[in-house]
Structure formats: structure tokens, C-alpha cells
Amino acid sequence: MCRNIKTLHHFEPPATEDEVRASALQYVRKLSGLKSFSKANQAACEHAVDHITEITLHLFGQLEVHGPPRSREAEKQKAVERGKKREQQLRERVLRESQRA
């Protein structure tokens, strides 16, 4: 999955339509391979983004949830911890490779 697309469902406060639209835009860019949309493709891509945003918001309204809402701060902290772990693993790998050489 594209790293720029984040989980948006079941947060307190809920995700805004702008946040969902930004994820939809990233999704369309990723699938199409287009960083920006040319005039020839602008209408089709904007239509896709609009449609994906609408469908996603509908999906969020239909999903059943059984636990407490996610905390944005807790999720942010988890992401920081994952980043630190990846960085440590990379440092260890580089160190091992440099010791082999």
C-alpha cells in the first residue's frame, strides 16, 4: 500500500472529507502512475477522486465498529516507534555489511 495513504476510519475526531479526498487523490496518483494530471486526463482523474471519496465516506458510514475509537496521538506515536525501529534495523544492517567488507 502507498505509504502516504493512512487509515482514516474510526478515529476521534472523525476524518474529514478533505482527509478522505487527499487519500483518494494519492490512490488515483499511485494507480495511474501520474504525479500530476495533464489537461487531457484532468477530468477523468478528478471524477475518479470524487467518486472514490464518496464511496469511502459511504463505506465509513456502513462499517460496524466494536472497539473504542483510535486516538490520533496514539497512532502518531506508533508510527514514530515504527520509524525508529526501521532506522535501527537499517543501522544494524549497514554495520554488519561494513564489518564483512
N, C-alpha and C. Protein backbone atom coordinates (compact mmCIF):
# COMPACT_ATOMS: atom_id res chain seq x y z
N MET A 1 0.85 -1.18 0.00
CA MET A 1 0.00 0.00 0.00
C MET A 1 0.89 1.24 0.00
N CYS A 2 0.41 2.26 -0.62
CA CYS A 2 1.14 3.52 -0.66
C CYS A 2 1.30 4.06 0.76
N ARG A 3 2.51 4.41 1.13
CA ARG A 3 2.76 4.87 2.50
C ARG A 3 2.05 6.17 2.82
N ASN A 4 1.67 6.94 1.81
CA ASN A 4 1.01 8.22 2.06
C ASN A 4 -0.47 8.04 2.37
N ILE A 5 -1.01 6.87 2.11
CA ILE A 5 -2.41 6.63 2.40
C ILE A 5 -2.51 6.05 3.81
N LYS A 6 -3.16 6.77 4.69
CA LYS A 6 -3.25 6.38 6.09
C LYS A 6 -4.64 5.88 6.42
N THR A 7 -4.73 5.06 7.46
CA THR A 7 -6.02 4.61 7.96
C THR A 7 -6.78 5.84 8.46
N LEU A 8 -8.02 5.96 8.02
CA LEU A 8 -8.83 7.12 8.40
C LEU A 8 -10.09 6.75 9.15
N HIS A 9 -10.44 5.48 9.17
CA HIS A 9 -11.71 5.07 9.78
C HIS A 9 -11.58 4.91 11.28
N HIS A 10 -12.61 5.29 11.98
CA HIS A 10 -12.80 5.06 13.41
C HIS A 10 -11.78 5.82 14.27
N PHE A 11 -11.68 7.11 13.99
CA PHE A 11 -10.83 7.98 14.79
C PHE A 11 -11.70 8.98 15.53
N GLU A 12 -11.18 9.49 16.60
CA GLU A 12 -11.84 10.58 17.32
C GLU A 12 -10.87 11.75 17.36
N PRO A 13 -11.16 12.87 16.76
CA PRO A 13 -12.35 13.17 15.96
C PRO A 13 -12.30 12.44 14.62
N PRO A 14 -13.47 12.24 14.01
CA PRO A 14 -13.53 11.51 12.74
C PRO A 14 -12.74 12.22 11.64
N ALA A 15 -12.33 11.44 10.66
CA ALA A 15 -11.64 12.00 9.50
C ALA A 15 -12.57 12.96 8.77
N THR A 16 -12.00 14.02 8.25
CA THR A 16 -12.79 14.99 7.50
C THR A 16 -12.89 14.55 6.04
N GLU A 17 -13.82 15.14 5.33
CA GLU A 17 -13.95 14.85 3.90
C GLU A 17 -12.66 15.23 3.16
N ASP A 18 -12.02 16.32 3.59
CA ASP A 18 -10.75 16.73 2.97
C ASP A 18 -9.67 15.68 3.16
N GLU A 19 -9.61 15.05 4.33
CA GLU A 19 -8.63 13.99 4.56
C GLU A 19 -8.90 12.78 3.67
N VAL A 20 -10.17 12.42 3.56
CA VAL A 20 -10.55 11.29 2.70
C VAL A 20 -10.22 11.62 1.25
N ARG A 21 -10.51 12.84 0.83
CA ARG A 21 -10.22 13.25 -0.55
C ARG A 21 -8.72 13.23 -0.83
N ALA A 22 -7.91 13.66 0.13
CA ALA A 22 -6.46 13.64 -0.06
C ALA A 22 -5.97 12.20 -0.24
N SER A 23 -6.53 11.26 0.51
CA SER A 23 -6.16 9.86 0.34
C SER A 23 -6.63 9.33 -1.00
N ALA A 24 -7.82 9.73 -1.42
CA ALA A 24 -8.33 9.30 -2.72
C ALA A 24 -7.43 9.82 -3.84
N LEU A 25 -6.96 11.05 -3.71
CA LEU A 25 -6.05 11.63 -4.69
C LEU A 25 -4.75 10.82 -4.75
N GLN A 26 -4.19 10.47 -3.59
CA GLN A 26 -2.97 9.66 -3.55
C GLN A 26 -3.20 8.31 -4.20
N TYR A 27 -4.36 7.74 -3.95
CA TYR A 27 -4.71 6.44 -4.52
C TYR A 27 -4.76 6.52 -6.05
N VAL A 28 -5.43 7.52 -6.57
CA VAL A 28 -5.53 7.68 -8.03
C VAL A 28 -4.15 7.94 -8.63
N ARG A 29 -3.35 8.77 -7.99
CA ARG A 29 -1.99 9.04 -8.48
C ARG A 29 -1.16 7.76 -8.50
N LYS A 30 -1.27 6.95 -7.44
CA LYS A 30 -0.50 5.72 -7.35
C LYS A 30 -0.91 4.75 -8.44
N LEU A 31 -2.20 4.53 -8.59
CA LEU A 31 -2.68 3.57 -9.58
C LEU A 31 -2.40 4.01 -11.01
N SER A 32 -2.53 5.30 -11.26
CA SER A 32 -2.34 5.80 -12.62
C SER A 32 -0.87 6.02 -12.96
N GLY A 33 -0.03 6.13 -11.93
CA GLY A 33 1.38 6.42 -12.17
C GLY A 33 1.63 7.87 -12.53
N LEU A 34 0.63 8.71 -12.30
CA LEU A 34 0.75 10.13 -12.64
C LEU A 34 1.00 10.96 -11.40
N LYS A 35 2.05 11.76 -11.43
CA LYS A 35 2.35 12.64 -10.31
C LYS A 35 1.40 13.84 -10.33
N SER A 36 1.13 14.32 -11.51
CA SER A 36 0.15 15.39 -11.70
C SER A 36 -0.65 15.05 -12.95
N PHE A 37 -1.82 15.64 -13.05
CA PHE A 37 -2.73 15.29 -14.14
C PHE A 37 -2.63 16.31 -15.28
N SER A 38 -2.44 15.81 -16.48
CA SER A 38 -2.42 16.68 -17.65
C SER A 38 -3.84 17.16 -17.94
N LYS A 39 -3.95 18.17 -18.78
CA LYS A 39 -5.28 18.68 -19.15
C LYS A 39 -6.12 17.58 -19.76
N ALA A 40 -5.50 16.70 -20.53
CA ALA A 40 -6.22 15.61 -21.19
C ALA A 40 -6.79 14.62 -20.18
N ASN A 41 -6.10 14.44 -19.07
CA ASN A 41 -6.53 13.47 -18.07
C ASN A 41 -7.19 14.08 -16.84
N GLN A 42 -7.19 15.39 -16.74
CA GLN A 42 -7.68 16.08 -15.55
C GLN A 42 -9.11 15.69 -15.19
N ALA A 43 -10.02 15.73 -16.15
CA ALA A 43 -11.43 15.46 -15.86
C ALA A 43 -11.63 14.03 -15.39
N ALA A 44 -11.00 13.08 -16.05
CA ALA A 44 -11.15 11.68 -15.68
C ALA A 44 -10.60 11.42 -14.28
N CYS A 45 -9.45 11.99 -14.00
CA CYS A 45 -8.82 11.78 -12.69
C CYS A 45 -9.62 12.46 -11.58
N GLU A 46 -10.08 13.68 -11.81
CA GLU A 46 -10.89 14.37 -10.80
C GLU A 46 -12.20 13.63 -10.54
N HIS A 47 -12.80 13.09 -11.61
CA HIS A 47 -14.02 12.30 -11.45
C HIS A 47 -13.74 11.07 -10.58
N ALA A 48 -12.62 10.40 -10.83
CA ALA A 48 -12.24 9.23 -10.04
C ALA A 48 -12.04 9.61 -8.58
N VAL A 49 -11.34 10.70 -8.33
CA VAL A 49 -11.10 11.15 -6.95
C VAL A 49 -12.43 11.45 -6.26
N ASP A 50 -13.31 12.16 -6.95
CA ASP A 50 -14.63 12.48 -6.37
C ASP A 50 -15.40 11.21 -6.04
N HIS A 51 -15.39 10.27 -6.96
CA HIS A 51 -16.14 9.02 -6.79
C HIS A 51 -15.56 8.19 -5.64
N ILE A 52 -14.26 8.07 -5.58
CA ILE A 52 -13.60 7.31 -4.52
C ILE A 52 -13.86 7.96 -3.16
N THR A 53 -13.82 9.29 -3.11
CA THR A 53 -14.12 10.00 -1.86
C THR A 53 -15.54 9.68 -1.41
N GLU A 54 -16.49 9.77 -2.31
CA GLU A 54 -17.90 9.49 -1.99
C GLU A 54 -18.09 8.05 -1.52
N ILE A 55 -17.51 7.11 -2.22
CA ILE A 55 -17.64 5.70 -1.87
C ILE A 55 -17.00 5.43 -0.50
N THR A 56 -15.85 6.03 -0.26
CA THR A 56 -15.15 5.82 1.01
C THR A 56 -15.98 6.36 2.17
N LEU A 57 -16.52 7.55 2.03
CA LEU A 57 -17.35 8.11 3.09
C LEU A 57 -18.59 7.24 3.33
N HIS A 58 -19.16 6.71 2.25
CA HIS A 58 -20.30 5.80 2.38
C HIS A 58 -19.87 4.53 3.14
N LEU A 59 -18.71 3.98 2.77
CA LEU A 59 -18.19 2.80 3.44
C LEU A 59 -18.03 3.06 4.94
N PHE A 60 -17.42 4.18 5.29
CA PHE A 60 -17.22 4.51 6.70
C PHE A 60 -18.55 4.54 7.45
N GLY A 61 -19.59 5.05 6.80
CA GLY A 61 -20.91 5.11 7.43
C GLY A 61 -21.56 3.75 7.61
N GLN A 62 -21.16 2.78 6.81
CA GLN A 62 -21.76 1.45 6.85
C GLN A 62 -21.01 0.46 7.74
N LEU A 63 -19.75 0.74 8.04
CA LEU A 63 -18.94 -0.21 8.81
C LEU A 63 -19.39 -0.26 10.27
N GLU A 64 -19.43 -1.47 10.81
CA GLU A 64 -19.72 -1.66 12.22
C GLU A 64 -18.41 -1.63 12.98
N VAL A 65 -18.41 -0.97 14.11
CA VAL A 65 -17.21 -0.91 14.94
C VAL A 65 -17.54 -1.50 16.30
N HIS A 66 -16.56 -2.19 16.87
CA HIS A 66 -16.80 -2.88 18.12
C HIS A 66 -15.84 -2.45 19.23
N GLY A 67 -14.94 -1.55 18.91
CA GLY A 67 -13.98 -1.10 19.91
C GLY A 67 -14.02 0.41 20.03
N PRO A 68 -13.22 0.92 20.94
CA PRO A 68 -13.18 2.38 21.10
C PRO A 68 -12.49 3.03 19.90
N PRO A 69 -12.82 4.28 19.63
CA PRO A 69 -12.17 4.97 18.51
C PRO A 69 -10.66 5.06 18.71
N ARG A 70 -9.95 5.09 17.58
CA ARG A 70 -8.49 5.25 17.64
C ARG A 70 -8.15 6.68 18.04
N SER A 71 -7.03 6.80 18.69
CA SER A 71 -6.52 8.11 19.05
C SER A 71 -5.49 8.54 18.02
N ARG A 72 -5.62 9.73 17.49
CA ARG A 72 -4.65 10.21 16.51
C ARG A 72 -3.26 10.31 17.14
N GLU A 73 -3.19 10.71 18.39
CA GLU A 73 -1.89 10.82 19.06
C GLU A 73 -1.25 9.45 19.25
N ALA A 74 -2.05 8.47 19.64
CA ALA A 74 -1.52 7.12 19.84
C ALA A 74 -1.03 6.54 18.51
N GLU A 75 -1.79 6.75 17.44
CA GLU A 75 -1.37 6.26 16.12
C GLU A 75 -0.10 6.96 15.65
N LYS A 76 -0.01 8.25 15.94
CA LYS A 76 1.18 9.01 15.57
C LYS A 76 2.40 8.46 16.33
N GLN A 77 2.22 8.17 17.60
CA GLN A 77 3.32 7.62 18.41
C GLN A 77 3.74 6.25 17.89
N LYS A 78 2.77 5.42 17.50
CA LYS A 78 3.10 4.11 16.94
C LYS A 78 3.93 4.26 15.67
N ALA A 79 3.57 5.23 14.83
CA ALA A 79 4.31 5.47 13.59
C ALA A 79 5.74 5.92 13.89
N VAL A 80 5.89 6.77 14.90
CA VAL A 80 7.24 7.22 15.30
C VAL A 80 8.06 6.02 15.76
N GLU A 81 7.46 5.16 16.55
CA GLU A 81 8.16 3.97 17.05
C GLU A 81 8.54 3.03 15.91
N ARG A 82 7.64 2.85 14.94
CA ARG A 82 7.97 2.01 13.78
C ARG A 82 9.13 2.61 13.00
N GLY A 83 9.14 3.92 12.85
CA GLY A 83 10.23 4.60 12.16
C GLY A 83 11.56 4.41 12.87
N LYS A 84 11.54 4.53 14.19
CA LYS A 84 12.77 4.32 14.97
C LYS A 84 13.26 2.89 14.82
N LYS A 85 12.33 1.94 14.83
CA LYS A 85 12.70 0.53 14.69
C LYS A 85 13.33 0.28 13.31
N ARG A 86 12.71 0.83 12.26
CA ARG A 86 13.27 0.68 10.90
C ARG A 86 14.65 1.29 10.82
N GLU A 87 14.82 2.46 11.41
CA GLU A 87 16.11 3.14 11.38
C GLU A 87 17.17 2.30 12.09
N GLN A 88 16.83 1.74 13.25
CA GLN A 88 17.76 0.90 14.00
C GLN A 88 18.14 -0.34 13.19
N GLN A 89 17.15 -0.97 12.55
CA GLN A 89 17.43 -2.14 11.73
C GLN A 89 18.34 -1.79 10.57
N LEU A 90 18.13 -0.65 9.96
CA LEU A 90 18.97 -0.22 8.85
C LEU A 90 20.40 0.03 9.33
N ARG A 91 20.55 0.68 10.47
CA ARG A 91 21.89 0.93 11.02
C ARG A 91 22.61 -0.38 11.32
N GLU A 92 21.88 -1.33 11.89
CA GLU A 92 22.49 -2.63 12.19
C GLU A 92 22.92 -3.36 10.92
N ARG A 93 22.10 -3.28 9.89
CA ARG A 93 22.42 -3.93 8.61
C ARG A 93 23.65 -3.29 7.98
N VAL A 94 23.71 -1.97 7.99
CA VAL A 94 24.85 -1.26 7.42
C VAL A 94 26.12 -1.61 8.20
N LEU A 95 26.00 -1.69 9.52
CA LEU A 95 27.15 -2.04 10.35
C LEU A 95 27.63 -3.46 10.04
N ARG A 96 26.71 -4.41 9.93
CA ARG A 96 27.09 -5.79 9.60
C ARG A 96 27.77 -5.87 8.24
N GLU A 97 27.21 -5.16 7.27
CA GLU A 97 27.80 -5.17 5.93
C GLU A 97 29.17 -4.53 5.90
N SER A 98 29.37 -3.47 6.68
CA SER A 98 30.68 -2.82 6.71
C SER A 98 31.70 -3.69 7.42
N GLN A 99 31.27 -4.51 8.37
CA GLN A 99 32.18 -5.40 9.08
C GLN A 99 32.60 -6.58 8.21
N ARG A 100 31.74 -6.98 7.26
CA ARG A 100 32.07 -8.07 6.33
C ARG A 100 33.11 -7.63 5.32
N ALA A 101 33.08 -6.35 5.00
CA ALA A 101 33.97 -5.85 3.93
C ALA A 101 35.40 -5.69 4.37
